[in-house]
Amino acid sequence: MNANRSLVYVIILNWNGWRDTLECLTSCQKIIYPNYRVLVVDNGSTDGSEAVIRERFPDVEMLQTGENLGFAGGCNSGIRYALDRQARYIWLLNNDTVVEPNALQALVSIMEADESIGMTGSKILYHDSPEVIWFAGGIIDWQKGDTGHTGQGETDRGQYDHVREVDYITGCSLMAGRGMIEEVGLMDEQFFLYFEETDWCLRAGKLGYKSVYVPESVIYHKESATTGSRSPLYYYYFVRNRLVFLKMHKMFRNWPLRIIKDLKLVLRICLLEDRKRRKLSALVKAYSHFLKSQTGKRF
């Protein structure tokens, strides 16, 4: 390790997903940045993850939370651990990703070039279709009450290969600076899963910190490998937390439009998807808990 370079802690959250985590850790061994440590935060797994990961990667640091604290709670535990060990930057990395060797170096270079940058994020491609973009910067549409990924589903032809400020960085690959964290605070754990990083970026922005997309940092993501694509769990937390997020930041006024869009989602589930009853129940529960101000782990 090169002590002359800023210390980065790579924080990988694991919950009953040791197979993906092992592949992610293997790719992290090829990182070319000279001063980094890898921390796996195990979020109370019940599948023997901790033992398997310790056996296969004995030099990787591990932190056991003892229970499932959600994305925000688990990552916050890791961030506290890293800051206590004098990390200048933390890199939140989904366990269901594979990283290019230069991914970390590219993020650090942009962070160090401008102190007003609070967070940076990678260009993220689909693991099974590496020519297709999953994330090239986050967008918030305050008129419609929607968030989205620039370029998602497009073939990567270099059309987004320029560094730029964006509305938010996805927690799939998010680097944050120590100074920003100490001023803004950690992620809000009431979200539990989804929208916690979007909220974090907006809170940082209100204090003058920029969120910047860095296309030279490339990773590959196995989309929804944890919750399952459009699972009842996804629908509950995504819909509930989108409502919480919109209300919290007070920049959205068109609630009838948001309700109509969610009713269209109900129609789509009825017509096109399986497990209809469980998904519809998840949506009803999402709205019910939002109206009752019930947040955190509820599903």
C-alpha atoms as a PDB file:
ATOM      1  CA  MET A   1       0.000   0.000   0.000  1.00  0.00           C
ATOM      2  CA  ASN A   2       1.152   3.564  -0.768  1.00  0.00           C
ATOM      3  CA  ALA A   3       0.703   5.765   2.282  1.00  0.00           C
ATOM      4  CA  ASN A   4       1.179   8.895   0.149  1.00  0.00           C
ATOM      5  CA  ARG A   5      -2.199   8.368  -1.515  1.00  0.00           C
ATOM      6  CA  SER A   6      -5.506   8.968   0.218  1.00  0.00           C
ATOM      7  CA  LEU A   7      -6.845   5.922   2.053  1.00  0.00           C
ATOM      8  CA  VAL A   8     -10.033   4.540   0.524  1.00  0.00           C
ATOM      9  CA  TYR A   9     -12.273   1.992   2.202  1.00  0.00           C
ATOM     10  CA  VAL A  10     -14.251  -0.138  -0.257  1.00  0.00           C
ATOM     11  CA  ILE A  11     -17.440  -1.095   1.593  1.00  0.00           C
ATOM     12  CA  ILE A  12     -19.364  -4.102   0.287  1.00  0.00           C
ATOM     13  CA  LEU A  13     -22.662  -4.954   1.947  1.00  0.00           C
ATOM     14  CA  ASN A  14     -23.587  -8.639   2.023  1.00  0.00           C
ATOM     15  CA  TRP A  15     -26.894 -10.211   2.955  1.00  0.00           C
ATOM     16  CA  ASN A  16     -27.258 -13.910   2.136  1.00  0.00           C
ATOM     17  CA  GLY A  17     -25.314 -13.386  -1.086  1.00  0.00           C
ATOM     18  CA  TRP A  18     -21.864 -14.854  -0.604  1.00  0.00           C
ATOM     19  CA  ARG A  19     -21.557 -16.176  -4.174  1.00  0.00           C
ATOM     20  CA  ASP A  20     -21.904 -12.700  -5.665  1.00  0.00           C
ATOM     21  CA  THR A  21     -19.718 -11.236  -2.942  1.00  0.00           C
ATOM     22  CA  LEU A  22     -16.896 -13.670  -3.703  1.00  0.00           C
ATOM     23  CA  GLU A  23     -16.947 -12.681  -7.385  1.00  0.00           C
ATOM     24  CA  CYS A  24     -16.962  -9.003  -6.448  1.00  0.00           C
ATOM     25  CA  LEU A  25     -14.022  -9.484  -4.072  1.00  0.00           C
ATOM     26  CA  THR A  26     -12.078 -11.349  -6.747  1.00  0.00           C
ATOM     27  CA  SER A  27     -12.454  -8.364  -9.086  1.00  0.00           C
ATOM     28  CA  CYS A  28     -11.433  -5.970  -6.293  1.00  0.00           C
ATOM     29  CA  GLN A  29      -8.116  -7.798  -5.974  1.00  0.00           C
ATOM     30  CA  LYS A  30      -7.211  -6.407  -9.411  1.00  0.00           C
ATOM     31  CA  ILE A  31      -7.774  -2.755  -8.464  1.00  0.00           C
ATOM     32  CA  ILE A  32      -4.710  -0.679  -9.402  1.00  0.00           C
ATOM     33  CA  TYR A  33      -5.205   2.134  -6.866  1.00  0.00           C
ATOM     34  CA  PRO A  34      -2.343   1.775  -4.352  1.00  0.00           C
ATOM     35  CA  ASN A  35      -3.972   2.575  -0.984  1.00  0.00           C
ATOM     36  CA  TYR A  36      -7.290   0.878  -0.332  1.00  0.00           C
ATOM     37  CA  ARG A  37      -8.813  -1.595   2.075  1.00  0.00           C
ATOM     38  CA  VAL A  38     -11.863  -3.769   1.528  1.00  0.00           C
ATOM     39  CA  LEU A  39     -14.502  -4.110   4.222  1.00  0.00           C
ATOM     40  CA  VAL A  40     -17.379  -6.583   3.907  1.00  0.00           C
ATOM     41  CA  VAL A  41     -20.332  -5.656   6.117  1.00  0.00           C
ATOM     42  CA  ASP A  42     -22.448  -8.736   6.710  1.00  0.00           C
ATOM     43  CA  ASN A  43     -26.019  -7.682   7.403  1.00  0.00           C
ATOM     44  CA  GLY A  44     -26.995 -10.603   9.622  1.00  0.00           C
ATOM     45  CA  SER A  45     -26.853 -13.290   6.921  1.00  0.00           C
ATOM     46  CA  THR A  46     -28.337 -16.700   7.702  1.00  0.00           C
ATOM     47  CA  ASP A  47     -26.722 -18.637   4.837  1.00  0.00           C
ATOM     48  CA  GLY A  48     -23.232 -18.995   6.325  1.00  0.00           C
ATOM     49  CA  SER A  49     -21.905 -16.036   4.331  1.00  0.00           C
ATOM     50  CA  GLU A  50     -19.525 -14.774   6.988  1.00  0.00           C
ATOM     51  CA  ALA A  51     -17.711 -18.104   7.372  1.00  0.00           C
ATOM     52  CA  VAL A  52     -17.427 -18.640   3.611  1.00  0.00           C
ATOM     53  CA  ILE A  53     -16.103 -15.135   2.947  1.00  0.00           C
ATOM     54  CA  ARG A  54     -13.600 -15.303   5.842  1.00  0.00           C
ATOM     55  CA  GLU A  55     -12.319 -18.644   4.578  1.00  0.00           C
ATOM     56  CA  ARG A  56     -11.920 -17.541   0.955  1.00  0.00           C
ATOM     57  CA  PHE A  57     -10.642 -14.016   1.696  1.00  0.00           C
ATOM     58  CA  PRO A  58      -8.901 -14.091   5.101  1.00  0.00           C
ATOM     59  CA  ASP A  59      -7.234 -10.695   4.518  1.00  0.00           C
ATOM     60  CA  VAL A  60     -10.506  -8.872   3.891  1.00  0.00           C
ATOM     61  CA  GLU A  61     -11.869  -6.972   6.884  1.00  0.00           C
ATOM     62  CA  MET A  62     -15.350  -8.009   8.023  1.00  0.00           C
ATOM     63  CA  LEU A  63     -17.975  -6.359  10.174  1.00  0.00           C
ATOM     64  CA  GLN A  64     -20.993  -8.296  11.429  1.00  0.00           C
ATOM     65  CA  THR A  65     -24.112  -6.215  12.151  1.00  0.00           C
ATOM     66  CA  GLY A  66     -25.990  -9.116  13.768  1.00  0.00           C
ATOM     67  CA  GLU A  67     -29.242  -8.308  11.976  1.00  0.00           C
ATOM     68  CA  ASN A  68     -30.511  -6.991   8.656  1.00  0.00           C
ATOM     69  CA  LEU A  69     -30.213  -3.216   9.002  1.00  0.00           C
ATOM     70  CA  GLY A  70     -31.126  -2.541   5.395  1.00  0.00           C
ATOM     71  CA  PHE A  71     -28.914  -0.814   2.842  1.00  0.00           C
ATOM     72  CA  ALA A  72     -28.642   2.462   4.726  1.00  0.00           C
ATOM     73  CA  GLY A  73     -28.081   0.905   8.152  1.00  0.00           C
ATOM     74  CA  GLY A  74     -25.565  -1.653   6.950  1.00  0.00           C
ATOM     75  CA  CYS A  75     -23.602   0.862   4.893  1.00  0.00           C
ATOM     76  CA  ASN A  76     -23.655   3.385   7.732  1.00  0.00           C
ATOM     77  CA  SER A  77     -22.092   0.777  10.015  1.00  0.00           C
ATOM     78  CA  GLY A  78     -19.328   0.304   7.490  1.00  0.00           C
ATOM     79  CA  ILE A  79     -18.835   4.049   7.003  1.00  0.00           C
ATOM     80  CA  ARG A  80     -18.405   4.596  10.758  1.00  0.00           C
ATOM     81  CA  TYR A  81     -15.886   1.752  10.840  1.00  0.00           C
ATOM     82  CA  ALA A  82     -13.927   3.255   7.936  1.00  0.00           C
ATOM     83  CA  LEU A  83     -13.906   6.809   9.311  1.00  0.00           C
ATOM     84  CA  ASP A  84     -12.658   5.497  12.670  1.00  0.00           C
ATOM     85  CA  ARG A  85      -9.697   4.086  10.731  1.00  0.00           C
ATOM     86  CA  GLN A  86      -8.907   7.406   9.066  1.00  0.00           C
ATOM     87  CA  ALA A  87     -10.367   6.762   5.618  1.00  0.00           C
ATOM     88  CA  ARG A  88     -10.430   9.892   3.470  1.00  0.00           C
ATOM     89  CA  TYR A  89     -12.882   8.355   1.024  1.00  0.00           C
ATOM     90  CA  ILE A  90     -15.383   5.533   1.214  1.00  0.00           C
ATOM     91  CA  TRP A  91     -16.565   3.628  -1.846  1.00  0.00           C
ATOM     92  CA  LEU A  92     -19.941   1.929  -1.459  1.00  0.00           C
ATOM     93  CA  LEU A  93     -20.040  -1.000  -3.858  1.00  0.00           C
ATOM     94  CA  ASN A  94     -22.890  -3.443  -4.390  1.00  0.00           C
ATOM     95  CA  ASN A  95     -21.891  -7.031  -3.786  1.00  0.00           C
ATOM     96  CA  ASP A  96     -23.502  -8.038  -7.098  1.00  0.00           C
ATOM     97  CA  THR A  97     -20.966  -6.084  -9.153  1.00  0.00           C
ATOM     98  CA  VAL A  98     -17.659  -6.715 -10.893  1.00  0.00           C
ATOM     99  CA  VAL A  99     -15.207  -3.811 -11.168  1.00  0.00           C
ATOM    100  CA  GLU A 100     -12.655  -2.810 -13.771  1.00  0.00           C
ATOM    101  CA  PRO A 101      -9.108  -2.401 -12.361  1.00  0.00           C
ATOM    102  CA  ASN A 102      -9.145   1.378 -12.948  1.00  0.00           C
ATOM    103  CA  ALA A 103     -12.611   1.966 -11.450  1.00  0.00           C
ATOM    104  CA  LEU A 104     -11.389   3.168  -8.060  1.00  0.00           C
ATOM    105  CA  GLN A 105      -8.499   5.273  -9.372  1.00  0.00           C
ATOM    106  CA  ALA A 106     -10.823   7.186 -11.713  1.00  0.00           C
ATOM    107  CA  LEU A 107     -13.227   8.087  -8.888  1.00  0.00           C
ATOM    108  CA  VAL A 108     -10.453   9.288  -6.579  1.00  0.00           C
ATOM    109  CA  SER A 109      -8.847  11.421  -9.297  1.00  0.00           C
ATOM    110  CA  ILE A 110     -12.049  13.397  -9.842  1.00  0.00           C
ATOM    111  CA  MET A 111     -12.718  13.760  -6.106  1.00  0.00           C
ATOM    112  CA  GLU A 112      -9.242  15.143  -5.468  1.00  0.00           C
ATOM    113  CA  ALA A 113      -9.482  17.636  -8.322  1.00  0.00           C
ATOM    114  CA  ASP A 114     -12.325  19.641  -6.756  1.00  0.00           C
ATOM    115  CA  GLU A 115     -13.098  19.964  -3.037  1.00  0.00           C
ATOM    116  CA  SER A 116     -16.705  20.919  -3.812  1.00  0.00           C
ATOM    117  CA  ILE A 117     -17.364  17.383  -5.089  1.00  0.00           C
ATOM    118  CA  GLY A 118     -18.995  15.373  -2.333  1.00  0.00           C
ATOM    119  CA  MET A 119     -19.786  12.172  -4.243  1.00  0.00           C
ATOM    120  CA  THR A 120     -18.724  10.476  -7.448  1.00  0.00           C
ATOM    121  CA  GLY A 121     -20.157   7.472  -9.255  1.00  0.00           C
ATOM    122  CA  SER A 122     -19.233   5.027 -11.987  1.00  0.00           C
ATOM    123  CA  LYS A 123     -20.555   4.223 -15.416  1.00  0.00           C
ATOM    124  CA  ILE A 124     -22.432   0.990 -14.741  1.00  0.00           C
ATOM    125  CA  LEU A 125     -23.086  -1.624 -17.419  1.00  0.00           C
ATOM    126  CA  TYR A 126     -25.218  -4.761 -17.239  1.00  0.00           C
ATOM    127  CA  HIS A 127     -23.116  -7.736 -16.185  1.00  0.00           C
ATOM    128  CA  ASP A 128     -24.777 -10.116 -18.624  1.00  0.00           C
ATOM    129  CA  SER A 129     -24.945  -7.530 -21.437  1.00  0.00           C
ATOM    130  CA  PRO A 130     -21.779  -5.468 -20.959  1.00  0.00           C
ATOM    131  CA  GLU A 131     -22.449  -3.388 -24.056  1.00  0.00           C
ATOM    132  CA  VAL A 132     -25.653  -2.008 -22.482  1.00  0.00           C
ATOM    133  CA  ILE A 133     -25.805   0.867 -19.987  1.00  0.00           C
ATOM    134  CA  TRP A 134     -27.499   0.505 -16.595  1.00  0.00           C
ATOM    135  CA  PHE A 135     -26.427   3.883 -15.136  1.00  0.00           C
ATOM    136  CA  ALA A 136     -24.761   6.980 -16.565  1.00  0.00           C
ATOM    137  CA  GLY A 137     -25.925   9.487 -13.977  1.00  0.00           C
ATOM    138  CA  GLY A 138     -29.084   9.982 -11.925  1.00  0.00           C
ATOM    139  CA  ILE A 139     -31.999  12.206 -12.983  1.00  0.00           C
ATOM    140  CA  ILE A 140     -34.817  13.613 -10.829  1.00  0.00           C
ATOM    141  CA  ASP A 141     -37.956  14.844 -12.589  1.00  0.00           C
ATOM    142  CA  TRP A 142     -39.684  17.058 -10.027  1.00  0.00           C
ATOM    143  CA  GLN A 143     -42.607  17.721 -12.377  1.00  0.00           C
ATOM    144  CA  LYS A 144     -43.567  14.051 -12.590  1.00  0.00           C
ATOM    145  CA  GLY A 145     -42.176  12.845  -9.274  1.00  0.00           C
ATOM    146  CA  ASP A 146     -39.867  10.323 -10.931  1.00  0.00           C
ATOM    147  CA  THR A 147     -36.209   9.362 -10.718  1.00  0.00           C
ATOM    148  CA  GLY A 148     -34.228   7.528 -13.357  1.00  0.00           C
ATOM    149  CA  HIS A 149     -30.897   6.539 -14.837  1.00  0.00           C
ATOM    150  CA  THR A 150     -29.447   8.391 -17.798  1.00  0.00           C
ATOM    151  CA  GLY A 151     -28.827   5.998 -20.680  1.00  0.00           C
ATOM    152  CA  GLN A 152     -30.449   2.942 -19.107  1.00  0.00           C
ATOM    153  CA  GLY A 153     -31.017   0.276 -21.761  1.00  0.00           C
ATOM    154  CA  GLU A 154     -28.967   2.081 -24.413  1.00  0.00           C
ATOM    155  CA  THR A 155     -26.009   0.508 -26.186  1.00  0.00           C
ATOM    156  CA  ASP A 156     -22.823   2.095 -24.865  1.00  0.00           C
ATOM    157  CA  ARG A 157     -21.266   3.954 -27.802  1.00  0.00           C
ATOM    158  CA  GLY A 158     -19.417   6.483 -25.670  1.00  0.00           C
ATOM    159  CA  GLN A 159     -22.335   8.933 -25.794  1.00  0.00           C
ATOM    160  CA  TYR A 160     -22.052   9.561 -22.044  1.00  0.00           C
ATOM    161  CA  ASP A 161     -18.275   9.475 -21.754  1.00  0.00           C
ATOM    162  CA  HIS A 162     -17.825  12.916 -20.242  1.00  0.00           C
ATOM    163  CA  VAL A 163     -17.499  13.861 -16.596  1.00  0.00           C
ATOM    164  CA  ARG A 164     -20.505  15.886 -15.462  1.00  0.00           C
ATOM    165  CA  GLU A 165     -22.548  16.904 -12.454  1.00  0.00           C
ATOM    166  CA  VAL A 166     -25.743  14.867 -12.004  1.00  0.00           C
ATOM    167  CA  ASP A 167     -28.796  14.932  -9.736  1.00  0.00           C
ATOM    168  CA  TYR A 168     -27.702  11.868  -7.794  1.00  0.00           C
ATOM    169  CA  ILE A 169     -25.351   8.884  -7.723  1.00  0.00           C
ATOM    170  CA  THR A 170     -26.687   5.362  -7.312  1.00  0.00           C
ATOM    171  CA  GLY A 171     -25.577   3.474  -4.215  1.00  0.00           C
ATOM    172  CA  CYS A 172     -24.493   0.621  -6.485  1.00  0.00           C
ATOM    173  CA  SER A 173     -21.161   2.455  -6.876  1.00  0.00           C
ATOM    174  CA  LEU A 174     -20.851   5.630  -4.836  1.00  0.00           C
ATOM    175  CA  MET A 175     -17.706   7.300  -3.513  1.00  0.00           C
ATOM    176  CA  ALA A 176     -18.104   9.864  -0.736  1.00  0.00           C
ATOM    177  CA  GLY A 177     -15.533  12.143   0.847  1.00  0.00           C
ATOM    178  CA  ARG A 178     -14.838  12.287   4.553  1.00  0.00           C
ATOM    179  CA  GLY A 179     -15.402  16.048   4.780  1.00  0.00           C
ATOM    180  CA  MET A 180     -18.806  15.788   3.140  1.00  0.00           C
ATOM    181  CA  ILE A 181     -19.876  12.931   5.428  1.00  0.00           C
ATOM    182  CA  GLU A 182     -18.780  14.797   8.557  1.00  0.00           C
ATOM    183  CA  GLU A 183     -20.781  17.871   7.509  1.00  0.00           C
ATOM    184  CA  VAL A 184     -23.872  16.239   5.977  1.00  0.00           C
ATOM    185  CA  GLY A 185     -24.106  13.136   8.156  1.00  0.00           C
ATOM    186  CA  LEU A 186     -24.783   9.538   7.198  1.00  0.00           C
ATOM    187  CA  MET A 187     -27.601   8.077   5.123  1.00  0.00           C
ATOM    188  CA  ASP A 188     -31.109   8.288   6.560  1.00  0.00           C
ATOM    189  CA  GLU A 189     -31.964   4.830   7.897  1.00  0.00           C
ATOM    190  CA  GLN A 190     -35.727   5.359   7.791  1.00  0.00           C
ATOM    191  CA  PHE A 191     -35.572   4.453   4.082  1.00  0.00           C
ATOM    192  CA  PHE A 192     -34.118   0.966   4.832  1.00  0.00           C
ATOM    193  CA  LEU A 193     -33.923   0.106   1.114  1.00  0.00           C
ATOM    194  CA  TYR A 194     -34.075   2.412  -1.959  1.00  0.00           C
ATOM    195  CA  PHE A 195     -33.850   6.224  -2.147  1.00  0.00           C
ATOM    196  CA  GLU A 196     -31.427   6.563   0.762  1.00  0.00           C
ATOM    197  CA  GLU A 197     -28.558   7.502  -1.553  1.00  0.00           C
ATOM    198  CA  THR A 198     -30.776   9.851  -3.598  1.00  0.00           C
ATOM    199  CA  ASP A 199     -31.744  11.639  -0.400  1.00  0.00           C
ATOM    200  CA  TRP A 200     -28.067  11.719   0.678  1.00  0.00           C
ATOM    201  CA  CYS A 201     -27.027  13.398  -2.579  1.00  0.00           C
ATOM    202  CA  LEU A 202     -29.745  16.028  -2.254  1.00  0.00           C
ATOM    203  CA  ARG A 203     -28.856  16.761   1.353  1.00  0.00           C
ATOM    204  CA  ALA A 204     -25.223  17.165   0.312  1.00  0.00           C
ATOM    205  CA  GLY A 205     -26.241  19.406  -2.580  1.00  0.00           C
ATOM    206  CA  LYS A 206     -28.099  21.747  -0.251  1.00  0.00           C
ATOM    207  CA  LEU A 207     -24.778  22.316   1.532  1.00  0.00           C
ATOM    208  CA  GLY A 208     -22.921  23.012  -1.717  1.00  0.00           C
ATOM    209  CA  TYR A 209     -21.519  19.566  -2.532  1.00  0.00           C
ATOM    210  CA  LYS A 210     -21.721  18.267  -6.098  1.00  0.00           C
ATOM    211  CA  SER A 211     -22.517  14.720  -7.237  1.00  0.00           C
ATOM    212  CA  VAL A 212     -20.419  13.849 -10.284  1.00  0.00           C
ATOM    213  CA  TYR A 213     -20.614  11.009 -12.804  1.00  0.00           C
ATOM    214  CA  VAL A 214     -17.206   9.571 -13.815  1.00  0.00           C
ATOM    215  CA  PRO A 215     -17.362   7.449 -16.999  1.00  0.00           C
ATOM    216  CA  GLU A 216     -13.747   6.266 -16.771  1.00  0.00           C
ATOM    217  CA  SER A 217     -14.794   4.302 -13.696  1.00  0.00           C
ATOM    218  CA  VAL A 218     -16.566   1.234 -15.094  1.00  0.00           C
ATOM    219  CA  ILE A 219     -18.327  -1.555 -13.236  1.00  0.00           C
ATOM    220  CA  TYR A 220     -20.772  -4.315 -14.206  1.00  0.00           C
ATOM    221  CA  HIS A 221     -23.993  -4.892 -12.276  1.00  0.00           C
ATOM    222  CA  LYS A 222     -26.150  -7.984 -11.922  1.00  0.00           C
ATOM    223  CA  GLU A 223     -29.450  -6.108 -11.836  1.00  0.00           C
ATOM    224  CA  SER A 224     -31.705  -6.942  -8.868  1.00  0.00           C
ATOM    225  CA  ALA A 225     -29.733 -10.022  -7.856  1.00  0.00           C
ATOM    226  CA  THR A 226     -30.692  -9.418  -4.188  1.00  0.00           C
ATOM    227  CA  THR A 227     -34.403  -8.607  -4.237  1.00  0.00           C
ATOM    228  CA  GLY A 228     -35.387 -10.173  -7.548  1.00  0.00           C
ATOM    229  CA  SER A 229     -36.520  -8.159 -10.541  1.00  0.00           C
ATOM    230  CA  ARG A 230     -39.791  -6.356  -9.675  1.00  0.00           C
ATOM    231  CA  SER A 231     -40.447  -8.515  -6.641  1.00  0.00           C
ATOM    232  CA  PRO A 232     -43.101  -7.635  -4.027  1.00  0.00           C
ATOM    233  CA  LEU A 233     -40.206  -6.484  -1.820  1.00  0.00           C
ATOM    234  CA  TYR A 234     -39.053  -4.120  -4.569  1.00  0.00           C
ATOM    235  CA  TYR A 235     -42.530  -2.697  -5.122  1.00  0.00           C
ATOM    236  CA  TYR A 236     -43.130  -2.064  -1.434  1.00  0.00           C
ATOM    237  CA  TYR A 237     -39.894  -0.259  -0.611  1.00  0.00           C
ATOM    238  CA  PHE A 238     -39.512   1.553  -3.932  1.00  0.00           C
ATOM    239  CA  VAL A 239     -43.067   2.937  -3.997  1.00  0.00           C
ATOM    240  CA  ARG A 240     -43.203   3.781  -0.281  1.00  0.00           C
ATOM    241  CA  ASN A 241     -39.790   5.422  -0.238  1.00  0.00           C
ATOM    242  CA  ARG A 242     -40.414   7.407  -3.409  1.00  0.00           C
ATOM    243  CA  LEU A 243     -43.423   8.961  -1.660  1.00  0.00           C
ATOM    244  CA  VAL A 244     -41.374   9.602   1.493  1.00  0.00           C
ATOM    245  CA  PHE A 245     -38.570  11.143  -0.573  1.00  0.00           C
ATOM    246  CA  LEU A 246     -40.895  13.451  -2.526  1.00  0.00           C
ATOM    247  CA  LYS A 247     -42.631  14.640   0.634  1.00  0.00           C
ATOM    248  CA  MET A 248     -39.345  15.107   2.499  1.00  0.00           C
ATOM    249  CA  HIS A 249     -37.723  17.394  -0.057  1.00  0.00           C
ATOM    250  CA  LYS A 250     -40.817  19.536  -0.655  1.00  0.00           C
ATOM    251  CA  MET A 251     -40.041  20.135  -4.351  1.00  0.00           C
ATOM    252  CA  PHE A 252     -42.956  18.111  -5.683  1.00  0.00           C
ATOM    253  CA  ARG A 253     -46.536  19.371  -5.742  1.00  0.00           C
ATOM    254  CA  ASN A 254     -48.390  17.283  -8.337  1.00  0.00           C
ATOM    255  CA  TRP A 255     -49.600  14.473  -6.067  1.00  0.00           C
ATOM    256  CA  PRO A 256     -52.622  13.597  -8.277  1.00  0.00           C
ATOM    257  CA  LEU A 257     -50.208  12.809 -11.129  1.00  0.00           C
ATOM    258  CA  ARG A 258     -48.094  10.599  -8.852  1.00  0.00           C
ATOM    259  CA  ILE A 259     -51.196   8.685  -7.743  1.00  0.00           C
ATOM    260  CA  ILE A 260     -52.348   8.236 -11.365  1.00  0.00           C
ATOM    261  CA  LYS A 261     -48.917   6.897 -12.340  1.00  0.00           C
ATOM    262  CA  ASP A 262     -49.058   4.393  -9.480  1.00  0.00           C
ATOM    263  CA  LEU A 263     -52.567   3.338 -10.512  1.00  0.00           C
ATOM    264  CA  LYS A 264     -51.144   2.635 -13.972  1.00  0.00           C
ATOM    265  CA  LEU A 265     -48.553   0.463 -12.242  1.00  0.00           C
ATOM    266  CA  VAL A 266     -51.386  -1.476 -10.606  1.00  0.00           C
ATOM    267  CA  LEU A 267     -52.972  -2.008 -14.036  1.00  0.00           C
ATOM    268  CA  ARG A 268     -49.690  -3.219 -15.489  1.00  0.00           C
ATOM    269  CA  ILE A 269     -49.235  -5.725 -12.675  1.00  0.00           C
ATOM    270  CA  CYS A 270     -52.783  -7.013 -13.203  1.00  0.00           C
ATOM    271  CA  LEU A 271     -52.291  -7.462 -16.931  1.00  0.00           C
ATOM    272  CA  LEU A 272     -48.662  -8.458 -17.372  1.00  0.00           C
ATOM    273  CA  GLU A 273     -46.989  -9.797 -14.238  1.00  0.00           C
ATOM    274  CA  ASP A 274     -47.025 -12.926 -12.106  1.00  0.00           C
ATOM    275  CA  ARG A 275     -47.558 -13.046  -8.320  1.00  0.00           C
ATOM    276  CA  LYS A 276     -50.243 -10.388  -8.790  1.00  0.00           C
ATOM    277  CA  ARG A 277     -51.830 -10.718  -5.364  1.00  0.00           C
ATOM    278  CA  ARG A 278     -48.560 -10.339  -3.438  1.00  0.00           C
ATOM    279  CA  LYS A 279     -47.418  -7.391  -5.554  1.00  0.00           C
ATOM    280  CA  LEU A 280     -50.729  -5.583  -5.276  1.00  0.00           C
ATOM    281  CA  SER A 281     -50.712  -6.196  -1.534  1.00  0.00           C
ATOM    282  CA  ALA A 282     -47.210  -4.700  -1.384  1.00  0.00           C
ATOM    283  CA  LEU A 283     -48.421  -1.548  -3.170  1.00  0.00           C
ATOM    284  CA  VAL A 284     -51.404  -1.149  -0.850  1.00  0.00           C
ATOM    285  CA  LYS A 285     -49.131  -1.581   2.145  1.00  0.00           C
ATOM    286  CA  ALA A 286     -46.653   0.951   0.704  1.00  0.00           C
ATOM    287  CA  TYR A 287     -49.336   3.652   0.488  1.00  0.00           C
ATOM    288  CA  SER A 288     -50.840   2.715   3.842  1.00  0.00           C
ATOM    289  CA  HIS A 289     -47.502   2.945   5.640  1.00  0.00           C
ATOM    290  CA  PHE A 290     -46.649   6.213   3.891  1.00  0.00           C
ATOM    291  CA  LEU A 291     -49.922   7.790   5.019  1.00  0.00           C
ATOM    292  CA  LYS A 292     -49.274   6.551   8.564  1.00  0.00           C
ATOM    293  CA  SER A 293     -45.635   7.817   8.459  1.00  0.00           C
ATOM    294  CA  GLN A 294     -44.411   4.278   9.062  1.00  0.00           C
ATOM    295  CA  THR A 295     -40.856   3.923   7.712  1.00  0.00           C
ATOM    296  CA  GLY A 296     -37.842   1.677   8.273  1.00  0.00           C
ATOM    297  CA  LYS A 297     -38.056  -2.118   7.949  1.00  0.00           C
ATOM    298  CA  ARG A 298     -41.734  -2.955   7.441  1.00  0.00           C
ATOM    299  CA  PHE A 299     -41.929  -5.719   4.839  1.00  0.00           C
END
